[in-house]
């Protein structure tokens, strides 16, 4: 699902990762966001670069808020 969302936002070119991160923040449950952040921390196998970049944005925001 993350790769499909990334493909949608990737078509926008500018701000794609930030847009995807915002979408995940708004529409994914906290446990889903944590699960994908953990997956990216361990390499993000199977995720497209745009999805990895977006998840890293989310993870960095979470760490900054802690």
PDB file of N, CA and C in Angstrom:
ATOM      1  N   UNK A   1       0.820  -1.182   0.000  1.00  0.00           N
ATOM      2  CA  UNK A   1       0.000   0.000   0.000  1.00  0.00           C
ATOM      3  C   UNK A   1       0.871   1.256   0.000  1.00  0.00           C
ATOM      4  N   UNK A   2       1.967   1.241   0.754  1.00  0.00           N
ATOM      5  CA  UNK A   2       2.847   2.413   0.810  1.00  0.00           C
ATOM      6  C   UNK A   2       3.423   2.734  -0.564  1.00  0.00           C
ATOM      7  N   UNK A   3       3.796   1.720  -1.326  1.00  0.00           N
ATOM      8  CA  UNK A   3       4.332   1.974  -2.661  1.00  0.00           C
ATOM      9  C   UNK A   3       3.281   2.582  -3.581  1.00  0.00           C
ATOM     10  N   UNK A   4       2.030   2.184  -3.441  1.00  0.00           N
ATOM     11  CA  UNK A   4       0.959   2.771  -4.252  1.00  0.00           C
ATOM     12  C   UNK A   4       0.739   4.235  -3.888  1.00  0.00           C
ATOM     13  N   UNK A   5       0.766   4.535  -2.615  1.00  0.00           N
ATOM     14  CA  UNK A   5       0.633   5.922  -2.173  1.00  0.00           C
ATOM     15  C   UNK A   5       1.822   6.731  -2.685  1.00  0.00           C
ATOM     16  N   UNK A   6       3.016   6.150  -2.605  1.00  0.00           N
ATOM     17  CA  UNK A   6       4.214   6.821  -3.100  1.00  0.00           C
ATOM     18  C   UNK A   6       4.141   7.100  -4.588  1.00  0.00           C
ATOM     19  N   UNK A   7       3.595   6.170  -5.364  1.00  0.00           N
ATOM     20  CA  UNK A   7       3.452   6.376  -6.806  1.00  0.00           C
ATOM     21  C   UNK A   7       2.520   7.547  -7.089  1.00  0.00           C
ATOM     22  N   UNK A   8       1.443   7.659  -6.333  1.00  0.00           N
ATOM     23  CA  UNK A   8       0.526   8.777  -6.498  1.00  0.00           C
ATOM     24  C   UNK A   8       1.239  10.102  -6.227  1.00  0.00           C
ATOM     25  N   UNK A   9       1.915  10.185  -5.088  1.00  0.00           N
ATOM     26  CA  UNK A   9       2.589  11.432  -4.738  1.00  0.00           C
ATOM     27  C   UNK A   9       3.826  11.667  -5.604  1.00  0.00           C
ATOM     28  N   UNK A  10       4.450  10.607  -6.079  1.00  0.00           N
ATOM     29  CA  UNK A  10       5.610  10.735  -6.952  1.00  0.00           C
ATOM     30  C   UNK A  10       5.280  11.421  -8.253  1.00  0.00           C
ATOM     31  N   UNK A  11       4.066  11.289  -8.718  1.00  0.00           N
ATOM     32  CA  UNK A  11       3.639  11.950  -9.951  1.00  0.00           C
ATOM     33  C   UNK A  11       3.638  13.466  -9.787  1.00  0.00           C
ATOM     34  N   UNK A  12       3.597  13.940  -8.557  1.00  0.00           N
ATOM     35  CA  UNK A  12       3.600  15.376  -8.294  1.00  0.00           C
ATOM     36  C   UNK A  12       5.003  15.974  -8.358  1.00  0.00           C
ATOM     37  N   UNK A  13       6.022  15.120  -8.340  1.00  0.00           N
ATOM     38  CA  UNK A  13       7.434  15.505  -8.401  1.00  0.00           C
ATOM     39  C   UNK A  13       7.866  16.361  -7.210  1.00  0.00           C
ATOM     40  N   UNK A  14       7.452  17.606  -7.147  1.00  0.00           N
ATOM     41  CA  UNK A  14       7.913  18.517  -6.097  1.00  0.00           C
ATOM     42  C   UNK A  14       7.146  18.237  -4.802  1.00  0.00           C
ATOM     43  N   UNK A  15       7.884  18.003  -3.744  1.00  0.00           N
ATOM     44  CA  UNK A  15       7.267  17.771  -2.447  1.00  0.00           C
ATOM     45  C   UNK A  15       6.601  16.421  -2.295  1.00  0.00           C
ATOM     46  N   UNK A  16       6.983  15.460  -3.128  1.00  0.00           N
ATOM     47  CA  UNK A  16       6.315  14.154  -3.117  1.00  0.00           C
ATOM     48  C   UNK A  16       6.470  13.442  -1.772  1.00  0.00           C
ATOM     49  N   UNK A  17       7.682  13.384  -1.255  1.00  0.00           N
ATOM     50  CA  UNK A  17       7.905  12.670   0.010  1.00  0.00           C
ATOM     51  C   UNK A  17       7.181  13.360   1.157  1.00  0.00           C
ATOM     52  N   UNK A  18       7.226  14.685   1.180  1.00  0.00           N
ATOM     53  CA  UNK A  18       6.531  15.428   2.235  1.00  0.00           C
ATOM     54  C   UNK A  18       5.021  15.221   2.132  1.00  0.00           C
ATOM     55  N   UNK A  19       4.502  15.202   0.917  1.00  0.00           N
ATOM     56  CA  UNK A  19       3.074  14.961   0.721  1.00  0.00           C
ATOM     57  C   UNK A  19       2.666  13.581   1.174  1.00  0.00           C
ATOM     58  N   UNK A  20       3.499  12.612   0.860  1.00  0.00           N
ATOM     59  CA  UNK A  20       3.200  11.245   1.287  1.00  0.00           C
ATOM     60  C   UNK A  20       3.281  11.137   2.807  1.00  0.00           C
ATOM     61  N   UNK A  21       4.281  11.764   3.406  1.00  0.00           N
ATOM     62  CA  UNK A  21       4.406  11.734   4.865  1.00  0.00           C
ATOM     63  C   UNK A  21       3.159  12.337   5.515  1.00  0.00           C
ATOM     64  N   UNK A  22       2.666  13.426   4.965  1.00  0.00           N
ATOM     65  CA  UNK A  22       1.457  14.062   5.486  1.00  0.00           C
ATOM     66  C   UNK A  22       0.258  13.118   5.372  1.00  0.00           C
ATOM     67  N   UNK A  23       0.156  12.426   4.246  1.00  0.00           N
ATOM     68  CA  UNK A  23      -0.934  11.465   4.057  1.00  0.00           C
ATOM     69  C   UNK A  23      -0.859  10.353   5.109  1.00  0.00           C
ATOM     70  N   UNK A  24       0.318   9.812   5.314  1.00  0.00           N
ATOM     71  CA  UNK A  24       0.482   8.741   6.310  1.00  0.00           C
ATOM     72  C   UNK A  24       0.141   9.250   7.705  1.00  0.00           C
ATOM     73  N   UNK A  25       0.553  10.471   7.997  1.00  0.00           N
ATOM     74  CA  UNK A  25       0.275  11.071   9.300  1.00  0.00           C
ATOM     75  C   UNK A  25      -1.232  11.221   9.515  1.00  0.00           C
ATOM     76  N   UNK A  26      -1.953  11.630   8.476  1.00  0.00           N
ATOM     77  CA  UNK A  26      -3.390  11.875   8.608  1.00  0.00           C
ATOM     78  C   UNK A  26      -4.242  10.612   8.587  1.00  0.00           C
ATOM     79  N   UNK A  27      -3.859   9.643   7.744  1.00  0.00           N
ATOM     80  CA  UNK A  27      -4.774   8.546   7.467  1.00  0.00           C
ATOM     81  C   UNK A  27      -4.337   7.172   7.966  1.00  0.00           C
ATOM     82  N   UNK A  28      -3.114   7.031   8.414  1.00  0.00           N
ATOM     83  CA  UNK A  28      -2.665   5.735   8.936  1.00  0.00           C
ATOM     84  C   UNK A  28      -2.732   5.762  10.450  1.00  0.00           C
ATOM     85  N   UNK A  29      -3.176   4.673  11.021  1.00  0.00           N
ATOM     86  CA  UNK A  29      -3.228   4.539  12.479  1.00  0.00           C
ATOM     87  C   UNK A  29      -1.805   4.568  13.043  1.00  0.00           C
ATOM     88  N   UNK A  30      -1.653   5.040  14.282  1.00  0.00           N
ATOM     89  CA  UNK A  30      -0.311   5.110  14.878  1.00  0.00           C
ATOM     90  C   UNK A  30       0.463   3.795  14.818  1.00  0.00           C
ATOM     91  N   UNK A  31      -0.204   2.664  15.040  1.00  0.00           N
ATOM     92  CA  UNK A  31       0.521   1.389  15.010  1.00  0.00           C
ATOM     93  C   UNK A  31       1.004   1.066  13.592  1.00  0.00           C
ATOM     94  N   UNK A  32       0.267   1.494  12.574  1.00  0.00           N
ATOM     95  CA  UNK A  32       0.704   1.274  11.190  1.00  0.00           C
ATOM     96  C   UNK A  32       1.936   2.128  10.890  1.00  0.00           C
ATOM     97  N   UNK A  33       1.915   3.384  11.346  1.00  0.00           N
ATOM     98  CA  UNK A  33       3.071   4.257  11.129  1.00  0.00           C
ATOM     99  C   UNK A  33       4.299   3.713  11.843  1.00  0.00           C
ATOM    100  N   UNK A  34       4.120   3.245  13.061  1.00  0.00           N
ATOM    101  CA  UNK A  34       5.260   2.696  13.803  1.00  0.00           C
ATOM    102  C   UNK A  34       5.801   1.446  13.129  1.00  0.00           C
ATOM    103  N   UNK A  35       4.921   0.604  12.625  1.00  0.00           N
ATOM    104  CA  UNK A  35       5.350  -0.624  11.953  1.00  0.00           C
ATOM    105  C   UNK A  35       6.174  -0.308  10.713  1.00  0.00           C
ATOM    106  N   UNK A  36       5.734   0.650   9.905  1.00  0.00           N
ATOM    107  CA  UNK A  36       6.486   0.960   8.687  1.00  0.00           C
ATOM    108  C   UNK A  36       7.782   1.700   9.028  1.00  0.00           C
ATOM    109  N   UNK A  37       7.780   2.523  10.074  1.00  0.00           N
ATOM    110  CA  UNK A  37       9.032   3.166  10.501  1.00  0.00           C
ATOM    111  C   UNK A  37      10.052   2.115  10.933  1.00  0.00           C
ATOM    112  N   UNK A  38       9.598   1.148  11.684  1.00  0.00           N
ATOM    113  CA  UNK A  38      10.483   0.059  12.120  1.00  0.00           C
ATOM    114  C   UNK A  38      11.023  -0.706  10.910  1.00  0.00           C
ATOM    115  N   UNK A  39      10.166  -0.955   9.929  1.00  0.00           N
ATOM    116  CA  UNK A  39      10.580  -1.659   8.716  1.00  0.00           C
ATOM    117  C   UNK A  39      11.672  -0.876   7.989  1.00  0.00           C
ATOM    118  N   UNK A  40      11.504   0.431   7.882  1.00  0.00           N
ATOM    119  CA  UNK A  40      12.511   1.261   7.207  1.00  0.00           C
ATOM    120  C   UNK A  40      13.805   1.302   8.017  1.00  0.00           C
ATOM    121  N   UNK A  41      13.706   1.341   9.332  1.00  0.00           N
ATOM    122  CA  UNK A  41      14.919   1.310  10.172  1.00  0.00           C
ATOM    123  C   UNK A  41      15.731   0.045   9.939  1.00  0.00           C
ATOM    124  N   UNK A  42      15.065  -1.008   9.495  1.00  0.00           N
ATOM    125  CA  UNK A  42      15.749  -2.281   9.221  1.00  0.00           C
ATOM    126  C   UNK A  42      15.979  -2.499   7.725  1.00  0.00           C
ATOM    127  N   UNK A  43      15.978  -1.422   6.953  1.00  0.00           N
ATOM    128  CA  UNK A  43      16.333  -1.517   5.543  1.00  0.00           C
ATOM    129  C   UNK A  43      15.215  -1.212   4.567  1.00  0.00           C
ATOM    130  N   UNK A  44      13.973  -1.365   4.967  1.00  0.00           N
ATOM    131  CA  UNK A  44      12.849  -1.023   4.098  1.00  0.00           C
ATOM    132  C   UNK A  44      12.706  -1.900   2.864  1.00  0.00           C
ATOM    133  N   UNK A  45      13.082  -3.165   2.969  1.00  0.00           N
ATOM    134  CA  UNK A  45      13.001  -4.074   1.823  1.00  0.00           C
ATOM    135  C   UNK A  45      11.610  -4.051   1.209  1.00  0.00           C
ATOM    136  N   UNK A  46      11.564  -3.896  -0.109  1.00  0.00           N
ATOM    137  CA  UNK A  46      10.307  -3.919  -0.839  1.00  0.00           C
ATOM    138  C   UNK A  46       9.670  -2.557  -1.038  1.00  0.00           C
ATOM    139  N   UNK A  47      10.185  -1.544  -0.355  1.00  0.00           N
ATOM    140  CA  UNK A  47       9.617  -0.209  -0.503  1.00  0.00           C
ATOM    141  C   UNK A  47      10.374   0.584  -1.565  1.00  0.00           C
ATOM    142  N   UNK A  48       9.629   1.381  -2.309  1.00  0.00           N
ATOM    143  CA  UNK A  48      10.211   2.271  -3.310  1.00  0.00           C
ATOM    144  C   UNK A  48      10.892   3.447  -2.598  1.00  0.00           C
ATOM    145  N   UNK A  49      11.858   4.085  -3.263  1.00  0.00           N
ATOM    146  CA  UNK A  49      12.590   5.195  -2.630  1.00  0.00           C
ATOM    147  C   UNK A  49      11.697   6.315  -2.097  1.00  0.00           C
ATOM    148  N   UNK A  50      10.647   6.670  -2.801  1.00  0.00           N
ATOM    149  CA  UNK A  50       9.760   7.742  -2.332  1.00  0.00           C
ATOM    150  C   UNK A  50       9.100   7.353  -1.015  1.00  0.00           C
ATOM    151  N   UNK A  51       8.698   6.102  -0.880  1.00  0.00           N
ATOM    152  CA  UNK A  51       8.075   5.632   0.360  1.00  0.00           C
ATOM    153  C   UNK A  51       9.086   5.642   1.499  1.00  0.00           C
ATOM    154  N   UNK A  52      10.296   5.219   1.231  1.00  0.00           N
ATOM    155  CA  UNK A  52      11.339   5.225   2.266  1.00  0.00           C
ATOM    156  C   UNK A  52      11.609   6.647   2.730  1.00  0.00           C
ATOM    157  N   UNK A  53      11.721   7.572   1.790  1.00  0.00           N
ATOM    158  CA  UNK A  53      11.979   8.967   2.141  1.00  0.00           C
ATOM    159  C   UNK A  53      10.846   9.538   2.995  1.00  0.00           C
ATOM    160  N   UNK A  54       9.615   9.248   2.617  1.00  0.00           N
ATOM    161  CA  UNK A  54       8.461   9.736   3.384  1.00  0.00           C
ATOM    162  C   UNK A  54       8.448   9.163   4.794  1.00  0.00           C
ATOM    163  N   UNK A  55       8.735   7.895   4.919  1.00  0.00           N
ATOM    164  CA  UNK A  55       8.736   7.259   6.234  1.00  0.00           C
ATOM    165  C   UNK A  55       9.865   7.822   7.093  1.00  0.00           C
ATOM    166  N   UNK A  56      10.994   8.110   6.483  1.00  0.00           N
ATOM    167  CA  UNK A  56      12.091   8.727   7.240  1.00  0.00           C
ATOM    168  C   UNK A  56      11.700  10.100   7.755  1.00  0.00           C
ATOM    169  N   UNK A  57      10.910  10.838   6.978  1.00  0.00           N
ATOM    170  CA  UNK A  57      10.397  12.131   7.449  1.00  0.00           C
ATOM    171  C   UNK A  57       9.523  11.929   8.691  1.00  0.00           C
ATOM    172  N   UNK A  58       8.611  10.964   8.609  1.00  0.00           N
ATOM    173  CA  UNK A  58       7.744  10.670   9.765  1.00  0.00           C
ATOM    174  C   UNK A  58       8.558  10.276  10.984  1.00  0.00           C
ATOM    175  N   UNK A  59       9.527   9.404  10.782  1.00  0.00           N
ATOM    176  CA  UNK A  59      10.343   8.911  11.885  1.00  0.00           C
ATOM    177  C   UNK A  59      11.130  10.052  12.524  1.00  0.00           C
ATOM    178  N   UNK A  60      11.684  10.939  11.701  1.00  0.00           N
ATOM    179  CA  UNK A  60      12.440  12.072  12.225  1.00  0.00           C
ATOM    180  C   UNK A  60      11.534  13.013  13.023  1.00  0.00           C
ATOM    181  N   UNK A  61      10.325  13.233  12.547  1.00  0.00           N
ATOM    182  CA  UNK A  61       9.367  14.078  13.272  1.00  0.00           C
ATOM    183  C   UNK A  61       9.040  13.462  14.621  1.00  0.00           C
ATOM    184  N   UNK A  62       8.847  12.158  14.623  1.00  0.00           N
ATOM    185  CA  UNK A  62       8.506  11.470  15.874  1.00  0.00           C
ATOM    186  C   UNK A  62       9.645  11.588  16.873  1.00  0.00           C
ATOM    187  N   UNK A  63      10.858  11.429  16.404  1.00  0.00           N
ATOM    188  CA  UNK A  63      12.020  11.513  17.294  1.00  0.00           C
ATOM    189  C   UNK A  63      12.203  12.940  17.809  1.00  0.00           C
ATOM    190  N   UNK A  64      11.873  13.931  16.963  1.00  0.00           N
ATOM    191  CA  UNK A  64      11.973  15.322  17.379  1.00  0.00           C
ATOM    192  C   UNK A  64      10.930  15.711  18.415  1.00  0.00           C
ATOM    193  N   UNK A  65       9.791  15.032  18.382  1.00  0.00           N
ATOM    194  CA  UNK A  65       8.704  15.333  19.318  1.00  0.00           C
ATOM    195  C   UNK A  65       8.888  14.641  20.660  1.00  0.00           C
ATOM    196  N   UNK A  66       9.779  13.661  20.699  1.00  0.00           N
ATOM    197  CA  UNK A  66       9.958  12.885  21.937  1.00  0.00           C
ATOM    198  C   UNK A  66      10.747  13.632  22.978  1.00  0.00           C
TER     199      UNK A  66
END
